[in-house]
Amino acid sequence: MDRREIEEILKEMADKIEREYDLEDLVLIGIKRRGAILADRVNKLLSKKLPVGYLDITFYRDDFSKIGAHPVVGTTEILFDIDNKKIILIDDVLYTGRTIRAALEALIDFGRPEFVKLFVLIDRGHRELPICADFVGKKIDIGKDEMVEVKLKEIDRIDEVIIVKKWNGKEKTLSDLKI
């Protein structure tokens, strides 16, 4: 996917949010890092600007003890009460479901929302936990030996989504492999 395709998908999904939900008491919470950027972008596309929060899930990960001696821990920035709010939780890629499980656990520490709906740019399947997205930009079917990389200009200086295949422990794009 290129910049134009990502923009079109975010616009379609923002329109769907407005069609399906009253924006009153609706908030957007992006999972850091790329989900937070996507939350800001979606908010700019809505007719009414919503409160936006940013969630760091580092301490809630089930592999936290395996991350290493010096994990990079960010800050959670939810500067509003989430009790009885309608939350759209935003992330870039849904894969095993473990990131979303951690995010839900983190959110509950902040309060009790009316509901949480999941918004992902890419759903790549291969779930390990029973989690599904309510808003999916694009569903792709790739192997477990492949990865989806979402690159956003705010971090990566380019907007694109690419599929990366692992070969001998190294990542290569499918175009590098001339498949």
N, C-alpha and C. Protein backbone atom coordinates (compact mmCIF):
# COMPACT_ATOMS: atom_id res chain seq x y z
N MET A 1 0.85 -1.18 0.00
CA MET A 1 0.00 0.00 0.00
C MET A 1 0.89 1.23 0.00
N ASP A 2 0.44 2.23 -0.70
CA ASP A 2 1.19 3.49 -0.71
C ASP A 2 0.42 4.55 0.09
N ARG A 3 0.95 5.76 0.11
CA ARG A 3 0.37 6.86 0.88
C ARG A 3 -1.10 7.10 0.51
N ARG A 4 -1.38 7.11 -0.78
CA ARG A 4 -2.74 7.38 -1.25
C ARG A 4 -3.72 6.31 -0.76
N GLU A 5 -3.31 5.05 -0.85
CA GLU A 5 -4.18 3.96 -0.40
C GLU A 5 -4.43 4.02 1.10
N ILE A 6 -3.39 4.32 1.87
CA ILE A 6 -3.55 4.46 3.32
C ILE A 6 -4.52 5.59 3.64
N GLU A 7 -4.37 6.73 2.98
CA GLU A 7 -5.27 7.88 3.19
C GLU A 7 -6.71 7.51 2.86
N GLU A 8 -6.93 6.82 1.74
CA GLU A 8 -8.28 6.42 1.33
C GLU A 8 -8.92 5.49 2.36
N ILE A 9 -8.15 4.53 2.84
CA ILE A 9 -8.67 3.59 3.83
C ILE A 9 -9.02 4.31 5.12
N LEU A 10 -8.16 5.20 5.59
CA LEU A 10 -8.45 5.94 6.83
C LEU A 10 -9.69 6.80 6.66
N LYS A 11 -9.87 7.41 5.50
CA LYS A 11 -11.06 8.24 5.25
C LYS A 11 -12.32 7.36 5.27
N GLU A 12 -12.27 6.22 4.59
CA GLU A 12 -13.42 5.31 4.59
C GLU A 12 -13.77 4.85 6.00
N MET A 13 -12.76 4.55 6.79
CA MET A 13 -13.00 4.07 8.15
C MET A 13 -13.51 5.19 9.05
N ALA A 14 -13.01 6.41 8.86
CA ALA A 14 -13.53 7.55 9.63
C ALA A 14 -15.00 7.79 9.28
N ASP A 15 -15.34 7.68 8.00
CA ASP A 15 -16.74 7.83 7.58
C ASP A 15 -17.61 6.74 8.21
N LYS A 16 -17.09 5.53 8.29
CA LYS A 16 -17.84 4.42 8.89
C LYS A 16 -18.08 4.68 10.38
N ILE A 17 -17.09 5.21 11.07
CA ILE A 17 -17.26 5.55 12.49
C ILE A 17 -18.40 6.56 12.64
N GLU A 18 -18.41 7.58 11.79
CA GLU A 18 -19.45 8.61 11.88
C GLU A 18 -20.83 8.06 11.54
N ARG A 19 -20.89 7.11 10.63
CA ARG A 19 -22.19 6.51 10.28
C ARG A 19 -22.72 5.62 11.40
N GLU A 20 -21.82 4.92 12.07
CA GLU A 20 -22.26 3.91 13.03
C GLU A 20 -22.39 4.40 14.46
N TYR A 21 -21.74 5.52 14.81
CA TYR A 21 -21.73 5.97 16.20
C TYR A 21 -22.01 7.45 16.31
N ASP A 22 -22.74 7.78 17.36
CA ASP A 22 -22.88 9.17 17.75
C ASP A 22 -21.53 9.57 18.34
N LEU A 23 -20.98 10.67 17.90
CA LEU A 23 -19.65 11.06 18.34
C LEU A 23 -19.62 11.56 19.79
N GLU A 24 -20.79 11.77 20.38
CA GLU A 24 -20.86 12.17 21.78
C GLU A 24 -20.32 11.04 22.65
N ASP A 25 -19.44 11.35 23.57
CA ASP A 25 -18.83 10.37 24.47
C ASP A 25 -17.93 9.35 23.77
N LEU A 26 -17.59 9.61 22.50
CA LEU A 26 -16.66 8.74 21.78
C LEU A 26 -15.26 9.33 21.90
N VAL A 27 -14.28 8.45 22.16
CA VAL A 27 -12.88 8.88 22.25
C VAL A 27 -12.03 7.93 21.42
N LEU A 28 -10.89 8.41 20.98
CA LEU A 28 -9.94 7.59 20.24
C LEU A 28 -8.72 7.35 21.11
N ILE A 29 -8.27 6.11 21.15
CA ILE A 29 -7.05 5.80 21.89
C ILE A 29 -6.17 4.96 20.97
N GLY A 30 -4.98 5.49 20.69
CA GLY A 30 -4.04 4.81 19.82
C GLY A 30 -2.98 4.09 20.63
N ILE A 31 -2.67 2.86 20.21
CA ILE A 31 -1.60 2.10 20.85
C ILE A 31 -0.28 2.60 20.29
N LYS A 32 0.60 3.01 21.19
CA LYS A 32 1.88 3.56 20.75
C LYS A 32 2.68 2.50 20.02
N ARG A 33 3.31 2.81 19.02
CA ARG A 33 3.64 4.07 18.40
C ARG A 33 2.74 4.34 17.20
N ARG A 34 2.66 3.41 16.29
CA ARG A 34 1.95 3.70 15.04
C ARG A 34 0.44 3.83 15.22
N GLY A 35 -0.13 3.11 16.16
CA GLY A 35 -1.56 3.28 16.43
C GLY A 35 -1.89 4.68 16.91
N ALA A 36 -0.97 5.30 17.64
CA ALA A 36 -1.17 6.67 18.11
C ALA A 36 -1.19 7.65 16.94
N ILE A 37 -0.30 7.44 15.99
CA ILE A 37 -0.26 8.30 14.79
C ILE A 37 -1.54 8.12 13.99
N LEU A 38 -1.98 6.88 13.83
CA LEU A 38 -3.22 6.62 13.09
C LEU A 38 -4.42 7.25 13.80
N ALA A 39 -4.43 7.24 15.13
CA ALA A 39 -5.52 7.87 15.88
C ALA A 39 -5.59 9.37 15.57
N ASP A 40 -4.44 10.02 15.55
CA ASP A 40 -4.42 11.45 15.20
C ASP A 40 -4.93 11.68 13.78
N ARG A 41 -4.52 10.84 12.87
CA ARG A 41 -4.95 11.00 11.47
C ARG A 41 -6.45 10.80 11.32
N VAL A 42 -6.99 9.78 11.98
CA VAL A 42 -8.44 9.54 11.92
C VAL A 42 -9.18 10.72 12.52
N ASN A 43 -8.69 11.25 13.63
CA ASN A 43 -9.36 12.38 14.28
C ASN A 43 -9.44 13.59 13.34
N LYS A 44 -8.42 13.82 12.55
CA LYS A 44 -8.43 14.94 11.59
C LYS A 44 -9.47 14.74 10.50
N LEU A 45 -9.86 13.50 10.25
CA LEU A 45 -10.82 13.20 9.18
C LEU A 45 -12.27 13.25 9.65
N LEU A 46 -12.49 13.27 10.95
CA LEU A 46 -13.85 13.30 11.49
C LEU A 46 -14.41 14.71 11.44
N SER A 47 -15.73 14.81 11.35
CA SER A 47 -16.37 16.13 11.29
C SER A 47 -16.29 16.86 12.62
N LYS A 48 -16.17 16.12 13.71
CA LYS A 48 -16.03 16.69 15.04
C LYS A 48 -14.76 16.13 15.66
N LYS A 49 -13.91 16.99 16.18
CA LYS A 49 -12.67 16.53 16.79
C LYS A 49 -12.98 15.88 18.14
N LEU A 50 -12.38 14.72 18.36
CA LEU A 50 -12.62 13.93 19.57
C LEU A 50 -11.41 13.97 20.48
N PRO A 51 -11.60 13.66 21.75
CA PRO A 51 -10.44 13.48 22.62
C PRO A 51 -9.61 12.29 22.12
N VAL A 52 -8.31 12.45 22.13
CA VAL A 52 -7.41 11.38 21.67
C VAL A 52 -6.42 11.07 22.78
N GLY A 53 -6.25 9.78 23.05
CA GLY A 53 -5.27 9.34 24.04
C GLY A 53 -4.28 8.40 23.40
N TYR A 54 -3.15 8.22 24.09
CA TYR A 54 -2.07 7.38 23.57
C TYR A 54 -1.69 6.38 24.66
N LEU A 55 -1.68 5.11 24.31
CA LEU A 55 -1.52 4.04 25.27
C LEU A 55 -0.20 3.30 25.05
N ASP A 56 0.63 3.26 26.09
CA ASP A 56 1.84 2.45 26.06
C ASP A 56 1.54 1.16 26.80
N ILE A 57 1.79 0.02 26.15
CA ILE A 57 1.42 -1.27 26.75
C ILE A 57 2.63 -2.09 27.21
N THR A 58 3.80 -1.50 27.25
CA THR A 58 5.02 -2.24 27.54
C THR A 58 4.89 -3.13 28.78
N PHE A 59 4.42 -2.59 29.89
CA PHE A 59 4.34 -3.36 31.13
C PHE A 59 3.22 -4.40 31.13
N TYR A 60 2.34 -4.35 30.15
CA TYR A 60 1.22 -5.28 30.08
C TYR A 60 1.46 -6.44 29.13
N ARG A 61 2.59 -6.41 28.44
CA ARG A 61 2.90 -7.47 27.47
C ARG A 61 3.17 -8.79 28.19
N ASP A 62 2.73 -9.90 27.58
CA ASP A 62 2.98 -11.20 28.20
C ASP A 62 4.39 -11.70 27.94
N ASP A 63 5.15 -10.97 27.12
CA ASP A 63 6.55 -11.32 26.88
C ASP A 63 7.50 -10.27 27.47
N PHE A 64 7.01 -9.48 28.42
CA PHE A 64 7.81 -8.40 29.00
C PHE A 64 9.14 -8.91 29.54
N SER A 65 9.13 -10.05 30.21
CA SER A 65 10.37 -10.57 30.80
C SER A 65 11.38 -11.02 29.74
N LYS A 66 10.93 -11.20 28.51
CA LYS A 66 11.82 -11.63 27.43
C LYS A 66 12.34 -10.47 26.58
N ILE A 67 11.84 -9.26 26.82
CA ILE A 67 12.21 -8.11 26.00
C ILE A 67 13.69 -7.77 26.14
N GLY A 68 14.22 -7.96 27.31
CA GLY A 68 15.63 -7.64 27.53
C GLY A 68 15.80 -6.86 28.80
N ALA A 69 17.03 -6.56 29.10
CA ALA A 69 17.35 -5.88 30.36
C ALA A 69 16.90 -4.43 30.39
N HIS A 70 16.82 -3.79 29.23
CA HIS A 70 16.49 -2.37 29.18
C HIS A 70 15.36 -2.10 28.18
N PRO A 71 14.13 -2.51 28.51
CA PRO A 71 13.04 -2.27 27.56
C PRO A 71 12.76 -0.77 27.43
N VAL A 72 12.33 -0.38 26.24
CA VAL A 72 11.96 1.01 26.02
C VAL A 72 10.51 1.17 26.47
N VAL A 73 10.33 1.97 27.51
CA VAL A 73 9.00 2.19 28.06
C VAL A 73 8.58 3.62 27.76
N GLY A 74 7.44 3.75 27.12
CA GLY A 74 6.91 5.07 26.81
C GLY A 74 5.92 5.50 27.88
N THR A 75 5.29 6.62 27.63
CA THR A 75 4.29 7.11 28.57
C THR A 75 2.90 6.96 27.98
N THR A 76 1.97 6.65 28.82
CA THR A 76 0.57 6.65 28.42
C THR A 76 0.04 8.05 28.65
N GLU A 77 -0.66 8.56 27.66
CA GLU A 77 -1.21 9.91 27.74
C GLU A 77 -2.71 9.85 27.48
N ILE A 78 -3.46 9.55 28.52
CA ILE A 78 -4.92 9.59 28.45
C ILE A 78 -5.34 10.64 29.45
N LEU A 79 -5.58 11.84 28.95
CA LEU A 79 -5.81 12.99 29.81
C LEU A 79 -7.29 13.29 30.00
N PHE A 80 -8.10 12.23 29.95
CA PHE A 80 -9.55 12.37 30.14
C PHE A 80 -10.03 11.10 30.82
N ASP A 81 -11.19 11.20 31.45
CA ASP A 81 -11.81 10.07 32.13
C ASP A 81 -12.39 9.13 31.08
N ILE A 82 -12.13 7.83 31.19
CA ILE A 82 -12.70 6.89 30.22
C ILE A 82 -13.94 6.17 30.76
N ASP A 83 -14.32 6.42 32.01
CA ASP A 83 -15.54 5.81 32.55
C ASP A 83 -16.73 6.18 31.67
N ASN A 84 -17.47 5.16 31.26
CA ASN A 84 -18.68 5.31 30.45
C ASN A 84 -18.43 5.92 29.07
N LYS A 85 -17.19 5.98 28.64
CA LYS A 85 -16.89 6.49 27.30
C LYS A 85 -16.95 5.34 26.30
N LYS A 86 -17.19 5.70 25.05
CA LYS A 86 -17.14 4.76 23.93
C LYS A 86 -15.75 4.92 23.33
N ILE A 87 -14.97 3.85 23.39
CA ILE A 87 -13.58 3.92 22.96
C ILE A 87 -13.39 3.21 21.62
N ILE A 88 -12.73 3.91 20.71
CA ILE A 88 -12.22 3.28 19.50
C ILE A 88 -10.72 3.11 19.75
N LEU A 89 -10.29 1.86 19.91
CA LEU A 89 -8.89 1.52 20.15
C LEU A 89 -8.24 1.29 18.79
N ILE A 90 -7.13 1.99 18.54
CA ILE A 90 -6.54 1.98 17.20
C ILE A 90 -5.13 1.42 17.22
N ASP A 91 -4.87 0.50 16.28
CA ASP A 91 -3.52 -0.04 16.10
C ASP A 91 -3.27 -0.23 14.61
N ASP A 92 -1.99 -0.45 14.27
CA ASP A 92 -1.66 -0.59 12.85
C ASP A 92 -1.94 -2.00 12.32
N VAL A 93 -1.47 -3.04 13.02
CA VAL A 93 -1.60 -4.41 12.52
C VAL A 93 -2.18 -5.30 13.62
N LEU A 94 -3.15 -6.10 13.24
CA LEU A 94 -3.68 -7.14 14.14
C LEU A 94 -3.14 -8.47 13.66
N TYR A 95 -2.42 -9.16 14.55
CA TYR A 95 -1.81 -10.44 14.19
C TYR A 95 -2.26 -11.49 15.21
N THR A 96 -1.51 -11.72 16.25
CA THR A 96 -1.85 -12.78 17.21
C THR A 96 -2.97 -12.38 18.17
N GLY A 97 -3.13 -11.08 18.40
CA GLY A 97 -4.12 -10.59 19.36
C GLY A 97 -3.50 -10.24 20.70
N ARG A 98 -2.23 -10.54 20.88
CA ARG A 98 -1.59 -10.32 22.18
C ARG A 98 -1.40 -8.83 22.50
N THR A 99 -1.12 -8.03 21.51
CA THR A 99 -1.00 -6.58 21.75
C THR A 99 -2.34 -6.01 22.21
N ILE A 100 -3.40 -6.45 21.57
CA ILE A 100 -4.73 -5.94 21.91
C ILE A 100 -5.14 -6.42 23.31
N ARG A 101 -4.82 -7.66 23.65
CA ARG A 101 -5.09 -8.15 25.00
C ARG A 101 -4.39 -7.27 26.03
N ALA A 102 -3.13 -6.95 25.77
CA ALA A 102 -2.38 -6.09 26.68
C ALA A 102 -3.02 -4.70 26.76
N ALA A 103 -3.44 -4.17 25.62
CA ALA A 103 -4.06 -2.84 25.60
C ALA A 103 -5.37 -2.83 26.39
N LEU A 104 -6.17 -3.87 26.25
CA LEU A 104 -7.42 -3.93 27.01
C LEU A 104 -7.16 -3.98 28.51
N GLU A 105 -6.16 -4.75 28.90
CA GLU A 105 -5.80 -4.82 30.31
C GLU A 105 -5.34 -3.44 30.82
N ALA A 106 -4.54 -2.76 30.02
CA ALA A 106 -4.07 -1.41 30.40
C ALA A 106 -5.24 -0.44 30.52
N LEU A 107 -6.16 -0.49 29.56
CA LEU A 107 -7.32 0.42 29.58
C LEU A 107 -8.16 0.25 30.85
N ILE A 108 -8.36 -0.98 31.25
CA ILE A 108 -9.19 -1.24 32.43
C ILE A 108 -8.58 -0.61 33.68
N ASP A 109 -7.27 -0.44 33.70
CA ASP A 109 -6.63 0.25 34.83
C ASP A 109 -7.00 1.73 34.89
N PHE A 110 -7.51 2.26 33.77
CA PHE A 110 -7.89 3.68 33.71
C PHE A 110 -9.37 3.91 33.98
N GLY A 111 -10.17 2.86 33.94
CA GLY A 111 -11.59 3.04 34.19
C GLY A 111 -12.41 1.98 33.48
N ARG A 112 -13.72 2.21 33.48
CA ARG A 112 -14.65 1.25 32.88
C ARG A 112 -15.42 1.92 31.75
N PRO A 113 -14.96 1.70 30.52
CA PRO A 113 -15.65 2.32 29.38
C PRO A 113 -17.00 1.64 29.10
N GLU A 114 -17.85 2.36 28.38
CA GLU A 114 -19.12 1.77 27.95
C GLU A 114 -18.84 0.61 26.99
N PHE A 115 -17.93 0.84 26.05
CA PHE A 115 -17.47 -0.23 25.17
C PHE A 115 -16.13 0.15 24.57
N VAL A 116 -15.46 -0.87 24.04
CA VAL A 116 -14.20 -0.69 23.31
C VAL A 116 -14.37 -1.39 21.97
N LYS A 117 -14.19 -0.64 20.89
CA LYS A 117 -14.21 -1.19 19.54
C LYS A 117 -12.80 -1.10 18.98
N LEU A 118 -12.41 -2.10 18.21
CA LEU A 118 -11.05 -2.16 17.69
C LEU A 118 -10.99 -1.73 16.23
N PHE A 119 -10.04 -0.86 15.94
CA PHE A 119 -9.81 -0.31 14.61
C PHE A 119 -8.36 -0.65 14.24
N VAL A 120 -8.17 -1.39 13.15
CA VAL A 120 -6.81 -1.71 12.68
C VAL A 120 -6.69 -1.38 11.20
N LEU A 121 -5.52 -0.93 10.83
CA LEU A 121 -5.26 -0.66 9.42
C LEU A 121 -5.15 -1.98 8.65
N ILE A 122 -4.44 -2.95 9.23
CA ILE A 122 -4.21 -4.25 8.57
C ILE A 122 -4.57 -5.38 9.52
N ASP A 123 -5.35 -6.35 9.03
CA ASP A 123 -5.61 -7.59 9.76
C ASP A 123 -4.92 -8.69 8.96
N ARG A 124 -3.91 -9.30 9.55
CA ARG A 124 -3.14 -10.31 8.82
C ARG A 124 -3.44 -11.74 9.25
N GLY A 125 -4.43 -11.91 10.13
CA GLY A 125 -4.83 -13.26 10.52
C GLY A 125 -3.85 -13.92 11.48
N HIS A 126 -3.97 -15.24 11.62
CA HIS A 126 -3.12 -16.07 12.48
C HIS A 126 -3.28 -15.74 13.96
N ARG A 127 -4.51 -15.53 14.40
CA ARG A 127 -4.79 -15.18 15.78
C ARG A 127 -4.40 -16.30 16.75
N GLU A 128 -3.87 -15.90 17.89
CA GLU A 128 -3.61 -16.83 18.99
C GLU A 128 -4.63 -16.63 20.11
N LEU A 129 -5.29 -15.50 20.10
CA LEU A 129 -6.31 -15.17 21.10
C LEU A 129 -7.60 -14.81 20.37
N PRO A 130 -8.76 -15.00 21.01
CA PRO A 130 -10.04 -14.73 20.33
C PRO A 130 -10.36 -13.23 20.28
N ILE A 131 -9.64 -12.54 19.41
CA ILE A 131 -9.81 -11.09 19.26
C ILE A 131 -10.06 -10.80 17.80
N CYS A 132 -11.05 -9.94 17.53
CA CYS A 132 -11.30 -9.53 16.15
C CYS A 132 -11.55 -8.03 16.13
N ALA A 133 -11.28 -7.44 14.97
CA ALA A 133 -11.43 -5.99 14.83
C ALA A 133 -12.83 -5.63 14.34
N ASP A 134 -13.32 -4.48 14.80
CA ASP A 134 -14.60 -3.95 14.36
C ASP A 134 -14.46 -3.12 13.09
N PHE A 135 -13.29 -2.52 12.92
CA PHE A 135 -12.97 -1.71 11.75
C PHE A 135 -11.65 -2.22 11.18
N VAL A 136 -11.67 -2.71 9.96
CA VAL A 136 -10.47 -3.25 9.33
C VAL A 136 -10.26 -2.52 8.02
N GLY A 137 -9.08 -1.91 7.88
CA GLY A 137 -8.76 -1.23 6.64
C GLY A 137 -8.54 -2.21 5.50
N LYS A 138 -7.72 -3.21 5.75
CA LYS A 138 -7.43 -4.22 4.73
C LYS A 138 -7.08 -5.53 5.42
N LYS A 139 -7.67 -6.61 4.93
CA LYS A 139 -7.36 -7.94 5.44
C LYS A 139 -6.46 -8.62 4.42
N ILE A 140 -5.34 -9.14 4.91
CA ILE A 140 -4.43 -9.84 4.01
C ILE A 140 -4.12 -11.22 4.58
N ASP A 141 -3.85 -12.15 3.70
CA ASP A 141 -3.55 -13.51 4.12
C ASP A 141 -2.10 -13.79 3.74
N ILE A 142 -1.24 -13.81 4.74
CA ILE A 142 0.17 -14.10 4.49
C ILE A 142 0.62 -15.17 5.47
N GLY A 143 1.75 -15.80 5.16
CA GLY A 143 2.26 -16.88 5.98
C GLY A 143 2.87 -16.40 7.28
N LYS A 144 3.06 -17.35 8.18
CA LYS A 144 3.68 -17.02 9.47
C LYS A 144 5.14 -16.64 9.33
N ASP A 145 5.75 -16.99 8.20
CA ASP A 145 7.14 -16.62 7.96
C ASP A 145 7.25 -15.25 7.30
N GLU A 146 6.14 -14.54 7.23
CA GLU A 146 6.11 -13.20 6.65
C GLU A 146 5.64 -12.20 7.70
N MET A 147 6.01 -10.97 7.50
CA MET A 147 5.61 -9.90 8.41
C MET A 147 5.01 -8.74 7.61
N VAL A 148 4.14 -8.00 8.25
CA VAL A 148 3.62 -6.77 7.66
C VAL A 148 4.33 -5.61 8.35
N GLU A 149 4.91 -4.74 7.57
CA GLU A 149 5.54 -3.54 8.11
C GLU A 149 4.72 -2.33 7.69
N VAL A 150 4.19 -1.62 8.66
CA VAL A 150 3.50 -0.36 8.39
C VAL A 150 4.51 0.75 8.66
N LYS A 151 4.74 1.54 7.65
CA LYS A 151 5.66 2.68 7.79
C LYS A 151 4.83 3.95 7.66
N LEU A 152 5.04 4.86 8.61
CA LEU A 152 4.32 6.13 8.62
C LEU A 152 5.31 7.27 8.61
N LYS A 153 5.00 8.30 7.86
CA LYS A 153 5.97 9.38 7.63
C LYS A 153 6.43 10.05 8.92
N GLU A 154 5.59 10.07 9.96
CA GLU A 154 5.97 10.71 11.22
C GLU A 154 7.14 9.99 11.90
N ILE A 155 7.30 8.71 11.62
CA ILE A 155 8.39 7.92 12.21
C ILE A 155 9.40 7.51 11.14
N ASP A 156 8.88 7.04 10.00
CA ASP A 156 9.69 6.39 8.99
C ASP A 156 9.97 7.24 7.74
N ARG A 157 9.43 8.44 7.71
CA ARG A 157 9.58 9.39 6.59
C ARG A 157 8.89 8.95 5.30
N ILE A 158 8.06 7.90 5.38
CA ILE A 158 7.30 7.43 4.22
C ILE A 158 6.05 6.74 4.73
N ASP A 159 4.98 6.84 3.95
CA ASP A 159 3.75 6.11 4.24
C ASP A 159 3.67 4.93 3.29
N GLU A 160 3.76 3.73 3.84
CA GLU A 160 3.61 2.54 3.02
C GLU A 160 3.39 1.33 3.92
N VAL A 161 2.82 0.29 3.31
CA VAL A 161 2.69 -0.99 3.97
C VAL A 161 3.35 -2.01 3.06
N ILE A 162 4.29 -2.76 3.62
CA ILE A 162 4.99 -3.76 2.82
C ILE A 162 4.97 -5.10 3.54
N ILE A 163 5.12 -6.16 2.76
CA ILE A 163 5.22 -7.51 3.30
C ILE A 163 6.69 -7.90 3.27
N VAL A 164 7.16 -8.40 4.39
CA VAL A 164 8.56 -8.78 4.54
C VAL A 164 8.61 -10.27 4.81
N LYS A 165 9.45 -10.96 4.09
CA LYS A 165 9.63 -12.41 4.28
C LYS A 165 10.94 -12.65 5.01
N LYS A 166 10.90 -13.56 5.97
CA LYS A 166 12.12 -13.91 6.70
C LYS A 166 12.83 -15.06 5.98
N TRP A 167 14.11 -14.86 5.71
CA TRP A 167 14.94 -15.88 5.08
C TRP A 167 16.20 -16.00 5.90
N ASN A 168 16.44 -17.17 6.46
CA ASN A 168 17.64 -17.42 7.27
C ASN A 168 17.78 -16.39 8.39
N GLY A 169 16.65 -16.04 9.02
CA GLY A 169 16.68 -15.11 10.14
C GLY A 169 16.77 -13.64 9.74
N LYS A 170 16.86 -13.36 8.43
CA LYS A 170 16.95 -11.97 7.97
C LYS A 170 15.66 -11.61 7.27
N GLU A 171 15.30 -10.34 7.36
CA GLU A 171 14.08 -9.87 6.70
C GLU A 171 14.43 -9.35 5.32
N LYS A 172 13.59 -9.72 4.35
CA LYS A 172 13.74 -9.19 3.00
C LYS A 172 12.34 -8.91 2.49
N THR A 173 12.19 -7.84 1.72
CA THR A 173 10.88 -7.56 1.13
C THR A 173 10.66 -8.56 0.00
N LEU A 174 9.41 -8.80 -0.35
CA LEU A 174 9.12 -9.73 -1.42
C LEU A 174 9.72 -9.26 -2.73
N SER A 175 9.81 -7.94 -2.94
CA SER A 175 10.43 -7.45 -4.18
C SER A 175 11.93 -7.74 -4.18
N ASP A 176 12.59 -7.79 -3.02
CA ASP A 176 14.00 -8.15 -2.95
C ASP A 176 14.22 -9.59 -3.39
N LEU A 177 13.20 -10.43 -3.17
CA LEU A 177 13.34 -11.86 -3.47
C LEU A 177 12.98 -12.18 -4.92
N LYS A 178 12.45 -11.17 -5.64
CA LYS A 178 12.04 -11.33 -7.04
C LYS A 178 11.11 -12.53 -7.24
N ILE A 179 10.09 -12.56 -6.38
CA ILE A 179 9.09 -13.63 -6.46
C ILE A 179 7.99 -13.20 -7.39
